[in-house]
Amino acid sequence: MIRNYNPGLLNSSAFDWAILHKGMKQELGEILFTLLRQQYRPVYANDVFVVFSSDRQLPSLSFTSVHVKSLYIDELKYFLNQLAKPFHPLANQLKFRVKQIIRPRN
């Protein structure tokens, strides 16, 4: 059993399945994007897990289905939030400066 989500493990075609636990979003890293690049498709999903497979004969779930969408939307939000963190202090400073500039003079 593989206990971490190392995207390098999927560089070979040795895996037919990948099971992602939604509660481990921080550990997912780039694994979700690696799965998509390698054309794994969701074949089963519930409140806790999403199962991806490379088997084209299995029926796939829509990426807009409730349980699948929650995985990648939350992962995308987390990723974008991490990218934006360094800019929060800069944005706050910019807001402060703009307020000073446009403040009406008495």
PDB file of N, CA and C in Angstrom:
ATOM      1  N   MET A   1       0.847  -1.186   0.000  1.00  0.00           N
ATOM      2  CA  MET A   1       0.000   0.000   0.000  1.00  0.00           C
ATOM      3  C   MET A   1       0.888   1.243   0.000  1.00  0.00           C
ATOM      4  N   ILE A   2       0.575   2.165  -0.863  1.00  0.00           N
ATOM      5  CA  ILE A   2       1.300   3.434  -0.930  1.00  0.00           C
ATOM      6  C   ILE A   2       0.606   4.418  -0.003  1.00  0.00           C
ATOM      7  N   ARG A   3       1.360   4.998   0.918  1.00  0.00           N
ATOM      8  CA  ARG A   3       0.748   5.863   1.918  1.00  0.00           C
ATOM      9  C   ARG A   3       0.924   7.349   1.631  1.00  0.00           C
ATOM     10  N   ASN A   4       1.693   7.685   0.641  1.00  0.00           N
ATOM     11  CA  ASN A   4       1.802   9.106   0.311  1.00  0.00           C
ATOM     12  C   ASN A   4       1.352   9.316  -1.128  1.00  0.00           C
ATOM     13  N   TYR A   5       1.185  10.559  -1.473  1.00  0.00           N
ATOM     14  CA  TYR A   5       0.730  10.896  -2.818  1.00  0.00           C
ATOM     15  C   TYR A   5       1.889  11.500  -3.585  1.00  0.00           C
ATOM     16  N   ASN A   6       2.819  10.661  -3.991  1.00  0.00           N
ATOM     17  CA  ASN A   6       3.981  11.104  -4.737  1.00  0.00           C
ATOM     18  C   ASN A   6       3.674  11.020  -6.228  1.00  0.00           C
ATOM     19  N   PRO A   7       3.572  12.154  -6.918  1.00  0.00           N
ATOM     20  CA  PRO A   7       3.216  12.118  -8.339  1.00  0.00           C
ATOM     21  C   PRO A   7       4.233  11.371  -9.189  1.00  0.00           C
ATOM     22  N   GLY A   8       5.467  11.267  -8.727  1.00  0.00           N
ATOM     23  CA  GLY A   8       6.483  10.535  -9.469  1.00  0.00           C
ATOM     24  C   GLY A   8       6.162   9.059  -9.613  1.00  0.00           C
ATOM     25  N   LEU A   9       5.365   8.537  -8.700  1.00  0.00           N
ATOM     26  CA  LEU A   9       4.997   7.125  -8.775  1.00  0.00           C
ATOM     27  C   LEU A   9       4.154   6.820  -9.997  1.00  0.00           C
ATOM     28  N   LEU A  10       3.482   7.815 -10.530  1.00  0.00           N
ATOM     29  CA  LEU A  10       2.611   7.596 -11.682  1.00  0.00           C
ATOM     30  C   LEU A  10       3.332   7.772 -13.014  1.00  0.00           C
ATOM     31  N   ASN A  11       4.641   7.969 -12.979  1.00  0.00           N
ATOM     32  CA  ASN A  11       5.374   8.153 -14.229  1.00  0.00           C
ATOM     33  C   ASN A  11       5.470   6.873 -15.041  1.00  0.00           C
ATOM     34  N   SER A  12       5.208   5.755 -14.412  1.00  0.00           N
ATOM     35  CA  SER A  12       5.172   4.497 -15.155  1.00  0.00           C
ATOM     36  C   SER A  12       3.714   4.122 -15.374  1.00  0.00           C
ATOM     37  N   SER A  13       3.496   3.176 -16.233  1.00  0.00           N
ATOM     38  CA  SER A  13       2.118   2.735 -16.475  1.00  0.00           C
ATOM     39  C   SER A  13       1.781   1.525 -15.617  1.00  0.00           C
ATOM     40  N   ALA A  14       2.482   1.364 -14.505  1.00  0.00           N
ATOM     41  CA  ALA A  14       2.293   0.196 -13.649  1.00  0.00           C
ATOM     42  C   ALA A  14       0.998   0.258 -12.845  1.00  0.00           C
ATOM     43  N   PHE A  15       0.384   1.414 -12.768  1.00  0.00           N
ATOM     44  CA  PHE A  15      -0.812   1.559 -11.948  1.00  0.00           C
ATOM     45  C   PHE A  15      -2.052   1.694 -12.820  1.00  0.00           C
ATOM     46  N   ASP A  16      -3.052   0.894 -12.499  1.00  0.00           N
ATOM     47  CA  ASP A  16      -4.340   0.999 -13.188  1.00  0.00           C
ATOM     48  C   ASP A  16      -5.313   1.872 -12.411  1.00  0.00           C
ATOM     49  N   TRP A  17      -5.045   2.031 -11.110  1.00  0.00           N
ATOM     50  CA  TRP A  17      -5.965   2.731 -10.221  1.00  0.00           C
ATOM     51  C   TRP A  17      -5.212   3.738  -9.361  1.00  0.00           C
ATOM     52  N   ALA A  18      -5.890   4.789  -9.004  1.00  0.00           N
ATOM     53  CA  ALA A  18      -5.388   5.738  -8.004  1.00  0.00           C
ATOM     54  C   ALA A  18      -6.588   6.138  -7.154  1.00  0.00           C
ATOM     55  N   ILE A  19      -6.439   6.013  -5.849  1.00  0.00           N
ATOM     56  CA  ILE A  19      -7.523   6.351  -4.922  1.00  0.00           C
ATOM     57  C   ILE A  19      -7.084   7.566  -4.123  1.00  0.00           C
ATOM     58  N   LEU A  20      -7.834   8.645  -4.252  1.00  0.00           N
ATOM     59  CA  LEU A  20      -7.507   9.880  -3.540  1.00  0.00           C
ATOM     60  C   LEU A  20      -8.493  10.086  -2.405  1.00  0.00           C
ATOM     61  N   HIS A  21      -7.957  10.341  -1.230  1.00  0.00           N
ATOM     62  CA  HIS A  21      -8.771  10.611  -0.040  1.00  0.00           C
ATOM     63  C   HIS A  21      -8.970  12.115   0.056  1.00  0.00           C
ATOM     64  N   LYS A  22     -10.207  12.548   0.047  1.00  0.00           N
ATOM     65  CA  LYS A  22     -10.506  13.988   0.045  1.00  0.00           C
ATOM     66  C   LYS A  22     -10.019  14.691   1.308  1.00  0.00           C
ATOM     67  N   GLY A  23      -9.895  13.972   2.396  1.00  0.00           N
ATOM     68  CA  GLY A  23      -9.440  14.571   3.646  1.00  0.00           C
ATOM     69  C   GLY A  23      -7.952  14.849   3.676  1.00  0.00           C
ATOM     70  N   MET A  24      -7.229  14.427   2.650  1.00  0.00           N
ATOM     71  CA  MET A  24      -5.779  14.624   2.609  1.00  0.00           C
ATOM     72  C   MET A  24      -5.398  15.637   1.534  1.00  0.00           C
ATOM     73  N   LYS A  25      -6.190  16.682   1.399  1.00  0.00           N
ATOM     74  CA  LYS A  25      -5.985  17.666   0.329  1.00  0.00           C
ATOM     75  C   LYS A  25      -4.587  18.278   0.341  1.00  0.00           C
ATOM     76  N   GLN A  26      -4.054  18.537   1.529  1.00  0.00           N
ATOM     77  CA  GLN A  26      -2.734  19.167   1.592  1.00  0.00           C
ATOM     78  C   GLN A  26      -1.645  18.227   1.088  1.00  0.00           C
ATOM     79  N   GLU A  27      -1.861  16.924   1.231  1.00  0.00           N
ATOM     80  CA  GLU A  27      -0.874  15.951   0.782  1.00  0.00           C
ATOM     81  C   GLU A  27      -0.992  15.631  -0.704  1.00  0.00           C
ATOM     82  N   LEU A  28      -2.072  16.054  -1.335  1.00  0.00           N
ATOM     83  CA  LEU A  28      -2.277  15.706  -2.742  1.00  0.00           C
ATOM     84  C   LEU A  28      -1.242  16.346  -3.654  1.00  0.00           C
ATOM     85  N   GLY A  29      -0.822  17.562  -3.297  1.00  0.00           N
ATOM     86  CA  GLY A  29       0.172  18.236  -4.126  1.00  0.00           C
ATOM     87  C   GLY A  29      -0.247  18.255  -5.580  1.00  0.00           C
ATOM     88  N   GLU A  30       0.646  17.813  -6.428  1.00  0.00           N
ATOM     89  CA  GLU A  30       0.349  17.848  -7.856  1.00  0.00           C
ATOM     90  C   GLU A  30      -0.181  16.520  -8.377  1.00  0.00           C
ATOM     91  N   ILE A  31      -0.505  15.580  -7.477  1.00  0.00           N
ATOM     92  CA  ILE A  31      -0.959  14.262  -7.925  1.00  0.00           C
ATOM     93  C   ILE A  31      -2.218  14.348  -8.782  1.00  0.00           C
ATOM     94  N   LEU A  32      -3.143  15.204  -8.418  1.00  0.00           N
ATOM     95  CA  LEU A  32      -4.383  15.318  -9.182  1.00  0.00           C
ATOM     96  C   LEU A  32      -4.097  15.764 -10.613  1.00  0.00           C
ATOM     97  N   PHE A  33      -3.218  16.734 -10.769  1.00  0.00           N
ATOM     98  CA  PHE A  33      -2.876  17.222 -12.100  1.00  0.00           C
ATOM     99  C   PHE A  33      -2.091  16.166 -12.890  1.00  0.00           C
ATOM    100  N   THR A  34      -1.273  15.384 -12.194  1.00  0.00           N
ATOM    101  CA  THR A  34      -0.555  14.292 -12.847  1.00  0.00           C
ATOM    102  C   THR A  34      -1.534  13.248 -13.365  1.00  0.00           C
ATOM    103  N   LEU A  35      -2.530  12.930 -12.557  1.00  0.00           N
ATOM    104  CA  LEU A  35      -3.548  11.966 -12.991  1.00  0.00           C
ATOM    105  C   LEU A  35      -4.261  12.454 -14.244  1.00  0.00           C
ATOM    106  N   LEU A  36      -4.612  13.719 -14.267  1.00  0.00           N
ATOM    107  CA  LEU A  36      -5.317  14.269 -15.423  1.00  0.00           C
ATOM    108  C   LEU A  36      -4.430  14.281 -16.665  1.00  0.00           C
ATOM    109  N   ARG A  37      -3.168  14.655 -16.485  1.00  0.00           N
ATOM    110  CA  ARG A  37      -2.237  14.663 -17.620  1.00  0.00           C
ATOM    111  C   ARG A  37      -2.065  13.266 -18.210  1.00  0.00           C
ATOM    112  N   GLN A  38      -2.091  12.271 -17.348  1.00  0.00           N
ATOM    113  CA  GLN A  38      -1.898  10.900 -17.815  1.00  0.00           C
ATOM    114  C   GLN A  38      -3.220  10.232 -18.184  1.00  0.00           C
ATOM    115  N   GLN A  39      -4.248  11.021 -18.277  1.00  0.00           N
ATOM    116  CA  GLN A  39      -5.565  10.593 -18.747  1.00  0.00           C
ATOM    117  C   GLN A  39      -6.238   9.546 -17.862  1.00  0.00           C
ATOM    118  N   TYR A  40      -5.989   9.630 -16.565  1.00  0.00           N
ATOM    119  CA  TYR A  40      -6.791   8.846 -15.627  1.00  0.00           C
ATOM    120  C   TYR A  40      -8.148   9.534 -15.538  1.00  0.00           C
ATOM    121  N   ARG A  41      -9.179   8.745 -15.378  1.00  0.00           N
ATOM    122  CA  ARG A  41     -10.530   9.302 -15.302  1.00  0.00           C
ATOM    123  C   ARG A  41     -11.191   8.838 -14.013  1.00  0.00           C
ATOM    124  N   PRO A  42     -12.046   9.669 -13.420  1.00  0.00           N
ATOM    125  CA  PRO A  42     -12.755   9.224 -12.215  1.00  0.00           C
ATOM    126  C   PRO A  42     -13.779   8.151 -12.585  1.00  0.00           C
ATOM    127  N   VAL A  43     -13.749   7.049 -11.842  1.00  0.00           N
ATOM    128  CA  VAL A  43     -14.688   5.957 -12.118  1.00  0.00           C
ATOM    129  C   VAL A  43     -15.595   5.668 -10.926  1.00  0.00           C
ATOM    130  N   TYR A  44     -15.230   6.196  -9.758  1.00  0.00           N
ATOM    131  CA  TYR A  44     -16.070   6.035  -8.570  1.00  0.00           C
ATOM    132  C   TYR A  44     -15.757   7.194  -7.635  1.00  0.00           C
ATOM    133  N   ALA A  45     -16.783   7.696  -6.955  1.00  0.00           N
ATOM    134  CA  ALA A  45     -16.568   8.777  -5.988  1.00  0.00           C
ATOM    135  C   ALA A  45     -17.668   8.743  -4.943  1.00  0.00           C
ATOM    136  N   ASN A  46     -17.285   9.112  -3.716  1.00  0.00           N
ATOM    137  CA  ASN A  46     -18.267   9.286  -2.650  1.00  0.00           C
ATOM    138  C   ASN A  46     -17.833  10.482  -1.806  1.00  0.00           C
ATOM    139  N   ASP A  47     -18.372  10.610  -0.601  1.00  0.00           N
ATOM    140  CA  ASP A  47     -18.039  11.753   0.257  1.00  0.00           C
ATOM    141  C   ASP A  47     -16.568  11.789   0.656  1.00  0.00           C
ATOM    142  N   VAL A  48     -15.893  10.636   0.638  1.00  0.00           N
ATOM    143  CA  VAL A  48     -14.539  10.529   1.176  1.00  0.00           C
ATOM    144  C   VAL A  48     -13.469  10.302   0.105  1.00  0.00           C
ATOM    145  N   PHE A  49     -13.749   9.477  -0.881  1.00  0.00           N
ATOM    146  CA  PHE A  49     -12.753   9.068  -1.864  1.00  0.00           C
ATOM    147  C   PHE A  49     -13.180   9.386  -3.289  1.00  0.00           C
ATOM    148  N   VAL A  50     -12.174   9.516  -4.152  1.00  0.00           N
ATOM    149  CA  VAL A  50     -12.401   9.504  -5.600  1.00  0.00           C
ATOM    150  C   VAL A  50     -11.415   8.485  -6.169  1.00  0.00           C
ATOM    151  N   VAL A  51     -11.946   7.546  -6.936  1.00  0.00           N
ATOM    152  CA  VAL A  51     -11.122   6.509  -7.553  1.00  0.00           C
ATOM    153  C   VAL A  51     -10.938   6.863  -9.022  1.00  0.00           C
ATOM    154  N   PHE A  52      -9.683   6.909  -9.454  1.00  0.00           N
ATOM    155  CA  PHE A  52      -9.345   7.178 -10.847  1.00  0.00           C
ATOM    156  C   PHE A  52      -8.799   5.901 -11.474  1.00  0.00           C
ATOM    157  N   SER A  53      -9.044   5.737 -12.759  1.00  0.00           N
ATOM    158  CA  SER A  53      -8.529   4.568 -13.466  1.00  0.00           C
ATOM    159  C   SER A  53      -8.048   4.967 -14.855  1.00  0.00           C
ATOM    160  N   SER A  54      -7.080   4.202 -15.338  1.00  0.00           N
ATOM    161  CA  SER A  54      -6.603   4.398 -16.707  1.00  0.00           C
ATOM    162  C   SER A  54      -7.298   3.436 -17.670  1.00  0.00           C
ATOM    163  N   ASP A  55      -8.150   2.577 -17.148  1.00  0.00           N
ATOM    164  CA  ASP A  55      -8.869   1.587 -17.959  1.00  0.00           C
ATOM    165  C   ASP A  55      -9.983   2.273 -18.746  1.00  0.00           C
ATOM    166  N   ARG A  56      -9.864   2.299 -20.055  1.00  0.00           N
ATOM    167  CA  ARG A  56     -10.839   2.975 -20.916  1.00  0.00           C
ATOM    168  C   ARG A  56     -12.149   2.207 -21.051  1.00  0.00           C
ATOM    169  N   GLN A  57     -12.175   0.949 -20.636  1.00  0.00           N
ATOM    170  CA  GLN A  57     -13.400   0.161 -20.761  1.00  0.00           C
ATOM    171  C   GLN A  57     -14.367   0.411 -19.608  1.00  0.00           C
ATOM    172  N   LEU A  58     -13.889   1.038 -18.555  1.00  0.00           N
ATOM    173  CA  LEU A  58     -14.765   1.361 -17.424  1.00  0.00           C
ATOM    174  C   LEU A  58     -15.527   2.648 -17.708  1.00  0.00           C
ATOM    175  N   PRO A  59     -16.787   2.703 -17.314  1.00  0.00           N
ATOM    176  CA  PRO A  59     -17.517   3.970 -17.470  1.00  0.00           C
ATOM    177  C   PRO A  59     -16.945   5.013 -16.508  1.00  0.00           C
ATOM    178  N   SER A  60     -16.791   6.216 -16.995  1.00  0.00           N
ATOM    179  CA  SER A  60     -16.219   7.258 -16.139  1.00  0.00           C
ATOM    180  C   SER A  60     -17.314   8.172 -15.611  1.00  0.00           C
ATOM    181  N   LEU A  61     -16.986   8.827 -14.516  1.00  0.00           N
ATOM    182  CA  LEU A  61     -17.878   9.832 -13.936  1.00  0.00           C
ATOM    183  C   LEU A  61     -17.567  11.183 -14.569  1.00  0.00           C
ATOM    184  N   SER A  62     -18.543  12.027 -14.589  1.00  0.00           N
ATOM    185  CA  SER A  62     -18.340  13.384 -15.078  1.00  0.00           C
ATOM    186  C   SER A  62     -17.514  14.169 -14.060  1.00  0.00           C
ATOM    187  N   PHE A  63     -16.650  15.032 -14.555  1.00  0.00           N
ATOM    188  CA  PHE A  63     -15.876  15.885 -13.653  1.00  0.00           C
ATOM    189  C   PHE A  63     -16.766  16.911 -12.960  1.00  0.00           C
ATOM    190  N   THR A  64     -17.983  17.068 -13.448  1.00  0.00           N
ATOM    191  CA  THR A  64     -18.912  18.000 -12.804  1.00  0.00           C
ATOM    192  C   THR A  64     -19.833  17.307 -11.807  1.00  0.00           C
ATOM    193  N   SER A  65     -19.676  15.993 -11.623  1.00  0.00           N
ATOM    194  CA  SER A  65     -20.493  15.319 -10.607  1.00  0.00           C
ATOM    195  C   SER A  65     -20.087  15.840  -9.227  1.00  0.00           C
ATOM    196  N   VAL A  66     -21.014  15.837  -8.319  1.00  0.00           N
ATOM    197  CA  VAL A  66     -20.823  16.479  -7.008  1.00  0.00           C
ATOM    198  C   VAL A  66     -19.565  15.999  -6.296  1.00  0.00           C
ATOM    199  N   HIS A  67     -19.365  14.699  -6.210  1.00  0.00           N
ATOM    200  CA  HIS A  67     -18.244  14.168  -5.429  1.00  0.00           C
ATOM    201  C   HIS A  67     -16.898  14.337  -6.126  1.00  0.00           C
ATOM    202  N   VAL A  68     -16.882  14.348  -7.436  1.00  0.00           N
ATOM    203  CA  VAL A  68     -15.625  14.552  -8.164  1.00  0.00           C
ATOM    204  C   VAL A  68     -15.265  16.034  -8.166  1.00  0.00           C
ATOM    205  N   LYS A  69     -16.241  16.864  -8.444  1.00  0.00           N
ATOM    206  CA  LYS A  69     -16.010  18.309  -8.516  1.00  0.00           C
ATOM    207  C   LYS A  69     -15.463  18.848  -7.198  1.00  0.00           C
ATOM    208  N   SER A  70     -15.969  18.339  -6.086  1.00  0.00           N
ATOM    209  CA  SER A  70     -15.503  18.844  -4.790  1.00  0.00           C
ATOM    210  C   SER A  70     -14.018  18.579  -4.591  1.00  0.00           C
ATOM    211  N   LEU A  71     -13.497  17.520  -5.170  1.00  0.00           N
ATOM    212  CA  LEU A  71     -12.068  17.223  -5.037  1.00  0.00           C
ATOM    213  C   LEU A  71     -11.222  18.241  -5.790  1.00  0.00           C
ATOM    214  N   TYR A  72     -11.494  18.446  -7.057  1.00  0.00           N
ATOM    215  CA  TYR A  72     -10.597  19.322  -7.813  1.00  0.00           C
ATOM    216  C   TYR A  72     -10.881  20.796  -7.584  1.00  0.00           C
ATOM    217  N   ILE A  73     -12.120  21.178  -7.292  1.00  0.00           N
ATOM    218  CA  ILE A  73     -12.403  22.587  -6.992  1.00  0.00           C
ATOM    219  C   ILE A  73     -11.703  22.980  -5.696  1.00  0.00           C
ATOM    220  N   ASP A  74     -11.809  22.139  -4.672  1.00  0.00           N
ATOM    221  CA  ASP A  74     -11.132  22.436  -3.410  1.00  0.00           C
ATOM    222  C   ASP A  74      -9.618  22.450  -3.591  1.00  0.00           C
ATOM    223  N   GLU A  75      -9.096  21.522  -4.387  1.00  0.00           N
ATOM    224  CA  GLU A  75      -7.654  21.484  -4.633  1.00  0.00           C
ATOM    225  C   GLU A  75      -7.210  22.737  -5.386  1.00  0.00           C
ATOM    226  N   LEU A  76      -7.984  23.164  -6.358  1.00  0.00           N
ATOM    227  CA  LEU A  76      -7.661  24.372  -7.115  1.00  0.00           C
ATOM    228  C   LEU A  76      -7.708  25.606  -6.213  1.00  0.00           C
ATOM    229  N   LYS A  77      -8.719  25.696  -5.357  1.00  0.00           N
ATOM    230  CA  LYS A  77      -8.811  26.821  -4.415  1.00  0.00           C
ATOM    231  C   LYS A  77      -7.602  26.841  -3.487  1.00  0.00           C
ATOM    232  N   TYR A  78      -7.226  25.673  -2.967  1.00  0.00           N
ATOM    233  CA  TYR A  78      -6.074  25.581  -2.070  1.00  0.00           C
ATOM    234  C   TYR A  78      -4.799  26.025  -2.805  1.00  0.00           C
ATOM    235  N   PHE A  79      -4.614  25.538  -4.025  1.00  0.00           N
ATOM    236  CA  PHE A  79      -3.436  25.874  -4.820  1.00  0.00           C
ATOM    237  C   PHE A  79      -3.363  27.378  -5.078  1.00  0.00           C
ATOM    238  N   LEU A  80      -4.470  27.971  -5.491  1.00  0.00           N
ATOM    239  CA  LEU A  80      -4.492  29.412  -5.766  1.00  0.00           C
ATOM    240  C   LEU A  80      -4.263  30.229  -4.501  1.00  0.00           C
ATOM    241  N   ASN A  81      -4.813  29.763  -3.388  1.00  0.00           N
ATOM    242  CA  ASN A  81      -4.606  30.449  -2.113  1.00  0.00           C
ATOM    243  C   ASN A  81      -3.129  30.422  -1.720  1.00  0.00           C
ATOM    244  N   GLN A  82      -2.462  29.290  -1.943  1.00  0.00           N
ATOM    245  CA  GLN A  82      -1.039  29.197  -1.628  1.00  0.00           C
ATOM    246  C   GLN A  82      -0.222  30.139  -2.516  1.00  0.00           C
ATOM    247  N   LEU A  83      -0.612  30.249  -3.779  1.00  0.00           N
ATOM    248  CA  LEU A  83       0.088  31.165  -4.680  1.00  0.00           C
ATOM    249  C   LEU A  83      -0.099  32.621  -4.270  1.00  0.00           C
ATOM    250  N   ALA A  84      -1.276  32.938  -3.752  1.00  0.00           N
ATOM    251  CA  ALA A  84      -1.605  34.332  -3.433  1.00  0.00           C
ATOM    252  C   ALA A  84      -1.055  34.784  -2.085  1.00  0.00           C
ATOM    253  N   LYS A  85      -0.696  33.863  -1.200  1.00  0.00           N
ATOM    254  CA  LYS A  85      -0.256  34.238   0.154  1.00  0.00           C
ATOM    255  C   LYS A  85       0.833  35.303   0.180  1.00  0.00           C
ATOM    256  N   PRO A  86       1.880  35.197  -0.628  1.00  0.00           N
ATOM    257  CA  PRO A  86       2.928  36.226  -0.562  1.00  0.00           C
ATOM    258  C   PRO A  86       2.439  37.622  -0.956  1.00  0.00           C
ATOM    259  N   PHE A  87       1.333  37.696  -1.667  1.00  0.00           N
ATOM    260  CA  PHE A  87       0.850  38.982  -2.151  1.00  0.00           C
ATOM    261  C   PHE A  87      -0.119  39.667  -1.190  1.00  0.00           C
ATOM    262  N   HIS A  88      -0.600  38.954  -0.165  1.00  0.00           N
ATOM    263  CA  HIS A  88      -1.553  39.556   0.773  1.00  0.00           C
ATOM    264  C   HIS A  88      -0.991  40.804   1.460  1.00  0.00           C
ATOM    265  N   PRO A  89       0.229  40.778   2.004  1.00  0.00           N
ATOM    266  CA  PRO A  89       0.762  42.002   2.627  1.00  0.00           C
ATOM    267  C   PRO A  89       0.905  43.141   1.618  1.00  0.00           C
ATOM    268  N   LEU A  90       1.316  42.822   0.409  1.00  0.00           N
ATOM    269  CA  LEU A  90       1.459  43.839  -0.628  1.00  0.00           C
ATOM    270  C   LEU A  90       0.101  44.448  -0.978  1.00  0.00           C
ATOM    271  N   ALA A  91      -0.918  43.608  -1.086  1.00  0.00           N
ATOM    272  CA  ALA A  91      -2.265  44.101  -1.402  1.00  0.00           C
ATOM    273  C   ALA A  91      -2.781  45.002  -0.288  1.00  0.00           C
ATOM    274  N   ASN A  92      -2.543  44.619   0.958  1.00  0.00           N
ATOM    275  CA  ASN A  92      -2.989  45.447   2.085  1.00  0.00           C
ATOM    276  C   ASN A  92      -2.272  46.793   2.097  1.00  0.00           C
ATOM    277  N   GLN A  93      -0.982  46.778   1.805  1.00  0.00           N
ATOM    278  CA  GLN A  93      -0.225  48.027   1.766  1.00  0.00           C
ATOM    279  C   GLN A  93      -0.727  48.914   0.628  1.00  0.00           C
ATOM    280  N   LEU A  94      -1.018  48.316  -0.504  1.00  0.00           N
ATOM    281  CA  LEU A  94      -1.533  49.063  -1.643  1.00  0.00           C
ATOM    282  C   LEU A  94      -2.885  49.696  -1.318  1.00  0.00           C
ATOM    283  N   LYS A  95      -3.769  48.958  -0.672  1.00  0.00           N
ATOM    284  CA  LYS A  95      -5.078  49.499  -0.275  1.00  0.00           C
ATOM    285  C   LYS A  95      -4.902  50.701   0.648  1.00  0.00           C
ATOM    286  N   PHE A  96      -3.973  50.581   1.602  1.00  0.00           N
ATOM    287  CA  PHE A  96      -3.718  51.663   2.541  1.00  0.00           C
ATOM    288  C   PHE A  96      -3.240  52.910   1.793  1.00  0.00           C
ATOM    289  N   ARG A  97      -2.311  52.736   0.856  1.00  0.00           N
ATOM    290  CA  ARG A  97      -1.775  53.868   0.093  1.00  0.00           C
ATOM    291  C   ARG A  97      -2.858  54.520  -0.763  1.00  0.00           C
ATOM    292  N   VAL A  98      -3.678  53.727  -1.398  1.00  0.00           N
ATOM    293  CA  VAL A  98      -4.755  54.267  -2.234  1.00  0.00           C
ATOM    294  C   VAL A  98      -5.724  55.076  -1.384  1.00  0.00           C
ATOM    295  N   LYS A  99      -6.065  54.573  -0.207  1.00  0.00           N
ATOM    296  CA  LYS A  99      -6.970  55.312   0.684  1.00  0.00           C
ATOM    297  C   LYS A  99      -6.359  56.648   1.084  1.00  0.00           C
ATOM    298  N   GLN A 100      -5.040  56.657   1.308  1.00  0.00           N
ATOM    299  CA  GLN A 100      -4.372  57.914   1.656  1.00  0.00           C
ATOM    300  C   GLN A 100      -4.423  58.902   0.489  1.00  0.00           C
ATOM    301  N   ILE A 101      -4.256  58.414  -0.699  1.00  0.00           N
ATOM    302  CA  ILE A 101      -4.224  59.281  -1.877  1.00  0.00           C
ATOM    303  C   ILE A 101      -5.598  59.858  -2.184  1.00  0.00           C
ATOM    304  N   ILE A 102      -6.634  59.048  -2.082  1.00  0.00           N
ATOM    305  CA  ILE A 102      -7.968  59.518  -2.481  1.00  0.00           C
ATOM    306  C   ILE A 102      -8.783  60.088  -1.328  1.00  0.00           C
ATOM    307  N   ARG A 103      -8.197  60.141  -0.140  1.00  0.00           N
ATOM    308  CA  ARG A 103      -8.914  60.703   1.004  1.00  0.00           C
ATOM    309  C   ARG A 103      -9.182  62.185   0.757  1.00  0.00           C
ATOM    310  N   PRO A 104     -10.413  62.610   0.936  1.00  0.00           N
ATOM    311  CA  PRO A 104     -10.725  64.032   0.724  1.00  0.00           C
ATOM    312  C   PRO A 104      -9.975  64.911   1.731  1.00  0.00           C
ATOM    313  N   ARG A 105      -9.494  66.031   1.247  1.00  0.00           N
ATOM    314  CA  ARG A 105      -8.781  66.964   2.132  1.00  0.00           C
ATOM    315  C   ARG A 105      -9.772  67.937   2.735  1.00  0.00           C
ATOM    316  N   ASN A 106      -9.557  68.282   3.943  1.00  0.00           N
ATOM    317  CA  ASN A 106     -10.452  69.224   4.642  1.00  0.00           C
ATOM    318  C   ASN A 106      -9.968  70.637   4.517  1.00  0.00           C
TER     319      ASN A 106
END
